[in-house]
Amino acid sequence: MTELLMAAYYAAEHAEVVRFPIDLSDYVPAVARRAWRPRRDF
């Protein structure tokens, strides 16, 4: 389940469709890097 969620984060950040399984060994999502900022347009 974690691997699937990480692949979804990767796909969203890179705006592309990924084929599963994907090598995510070096990938750190923006949320974990504290680089993600929510949009304030709601």
N, C-alpha and C. Protein backbone atom coordinates (compact mmCIF):
# COMPACT_ATOMS: atom_id res chain seq x y z
N MET A 1 0.82 -1.18 0.00
CA MET A 1 0.00 0.00 0.00
C MET A 1 0.87 1.26 0.00
N THR A 2 1.92 1.25 0.77
CA THR A 2 2.81 2.41 0.83
C THR A 2 3.46 2.68 -0.52
N GLU A 3 3.86 1.62 -1.19
CA GLU A 3 4.51 1.77 -2.50
C GLU A 3 3.54 2.37 -3.52
N LEU A 4 2.29 1.97 -3.45
CA LEU A 4 1.27 2.51 -4.35
C LEU A 4 1.04 4.00 -4.07
N LEU A 5 0.98 4.36 -2.81
CA LEU A 5 0.80 5.76 -2.44
C LEU A 5 1.99 6.61 -2.89
N MET A 6 3.19 6.09 -2.71
CA MET A 6 4.40 6.81 -3.14
C MET A 6 4.40 7.00 -4.66
N ALA A 7 3.96 5.99 -5.39
CA ALA A 7 3.88 6.10 -6.85
C ALA A 7 2.87 7.17 -7.24
N ALA A 8 1.78 7.27 -6.50
CA ALA A 8 0.77 8.30 -6.78
C ALA A 8 1.34 9.70 -6.52
N TYR A 9 2.07 9.88 -5.42
CA TYR A 9 2.73 11.16 -5.14
C TYR A 9 3.70 11.51 -6.26
N TYR A 10 4.50 10.54 -6.69
CA TYR A 10 5.48 10.75 -7.74
C TYR A 10 4.79 11.20 -9.03
N ALA A 11 3.73 10.50 -9.40
CA ALA A 11 3.00 10.82 -10.62
C ALA A 11 2.41 12.23 -10.55
N ALA A 12 1.86 12.59 -9.41
CA ALA A 12 1.27 13.92 -9.26
C ALA A 12 2.33 15.02 -9.32
N GLU A 13 3.44 14.81 -8.66
CA GLU A 13 4.50 15.83 -8.65
C GLU A 13 5.13 16.02 -10.02
N HIS A 14 5.24 14.95 -10.78
CA HIS A 14 5.87 15.02 -12.09
C HIS A 14 4.87 15.17 -13.23
N ALA A 15 3.58 15.22 -12.90
CA ALA A 15 2.50 15.39 -13.87
C ALA A 15 2.61 14.39 -15.02
N GLU A 16 2.79 13.13 -14.66
CA GLU A 16 2.90 12.08 -15.67
C GLU A 16 2.30 10.77 -15.15
N VAL A 17 1.98 9.91 -16.08
CA VAL A 17 1.49 8.59 -15.73
C VAL A 17 2.70 7.68 -15.54
N VAL A 18 2.73 6.92 -14.45
CA VAL A 18 3.84 6.02 -14.20
C VAL A 18 3.36 4.58 -14.31
N ARG A 19 4.24 3.72 -14.73
CA ARG A 19 3.94 2.29 -14.80
C ARG A 19 4.40 1.66 -13.50
N PHE A 20 3.50 0.89 -12.92
CA PHE A 20 3.79 0.23 -11.65
C PHE A 20 4.29 -1.17 -11.92
N PRO A 21 5.31 -1.65 -11.26
CA PRO A 21 6.09 -1.02 -10.19
C PRO A 21 7.13 -0.06 -10.76
N ILE A 22 7.47 0.91 -9.96
CA ILE A 22 8.45 1.93 -10.33
C ILE A 22 9.50 1.98 -9.22
N ASP A 23 10.74 2.23 -9.60
CA ASP A 23 11.81 2.31 -8.60
C ASP A 23 11.73 3.65 -7.87
N LEU A 24 11.34 3.61 -6.63
CA LEU A 24 11.19 4.82 -5.83
C LEU A 24 12.20 4.87 -4.68
N SER A 25 13.29 4.15 -4.82
CA SER A 25 14.25 4.04 -3.72
C SER A 25 14.89 5.39 -3.34
N ASP A 26 15.04 6.30 -4.29
CA ASP A 26 15.65 7.61 -4.01
C ASP A 26 14.62 8.74 -3.92
N TYR A 27 13.36 8.40 -4.10
CA TYR A 27 12.31 9.43 -4.15
C TYR A 27 11.84 9.82 -2.74
N VAL A 28 11.79 11.12 -2.50
CA VAL A 28 11.24 11.66 -1.25
C VAL A 28 10.15 12.64 -1.66
N PRO A 29 8.91 12.39 -1.27
CA PRO A 29 7.81 13.28 -1.67
C PRO A 29 7.99 14.69 -1.12
N ALA A 30 7.38 15.65 -1.79
CA ALA A 30 7.47 17.05 -1.36
C ALA A 30 6.96 17.23 0.06
N VAL A 31 5.96 16.48 0.44
CA VAL A 31 5.41 16.58 1.80
C VAL A 31 6.49 16.22 2.82
N ALA A 32 7.25 15.17 2.56
CA ALA A 32 8.30 14.74 3.48
C ALA A 32 9.48 15.70 3.48
N ARG A 33 9.72 16.36 2.35
CA ARG A 33 10.81 17.35 2.26
C ARG A 33 10.39 18.70 2.82
N ARG A 34 9.11 18.81 3.21
CA ARG A 34 8.50 20.06 3.67
C ARG A 34 8.54 21.13 2.59
N ALA A 35 8.46 20.70 1.34
CA ALA A 35 8.46 21.61 0.21
C ALA A 35 7.05 21.85 -0.33
N TRP A 36 6.08 21.09 0.14
CA TRP A 36 4.71 21.20 -0.34
C TRP A 36 3.98 22.31 0.40
N ARG A 37 3.32 23.15 -0.35
CA ARG A 37 2.51 24.21 0.24
C ARG A 37 1.09 24.09 -0.32
N PRO A 38 0.09 23.98 0.54
CA PRO A 38 -1.29 23.89 0.04
C PRO A 38 -1.71 25.19 -0.63
N ARG A 39 -2.58 25.04 -1.61
CA ARG A 39 -3.11 26.24 -2.27
C ARG A 39 -4.06 26.95 -1.33
N ARG A 40 -4.08 28.24 -1.41
CA ARG A 40 -4.94 29.05 -0.53
C ARG A 40 -6.14 29.61 -1.29
N ASP A 41 -6.51 29.03 -2.43
CA ASP A 41 -7.57 29.59 -3.26
C ASP A 41 -8.93 28.92 -3.03
N PHE A 42 -9.25 28.57 -1.81
CA PHE A 42 -10.55 27.94 -1.55
C PHE A 42 -11.47 28.82 -0.81
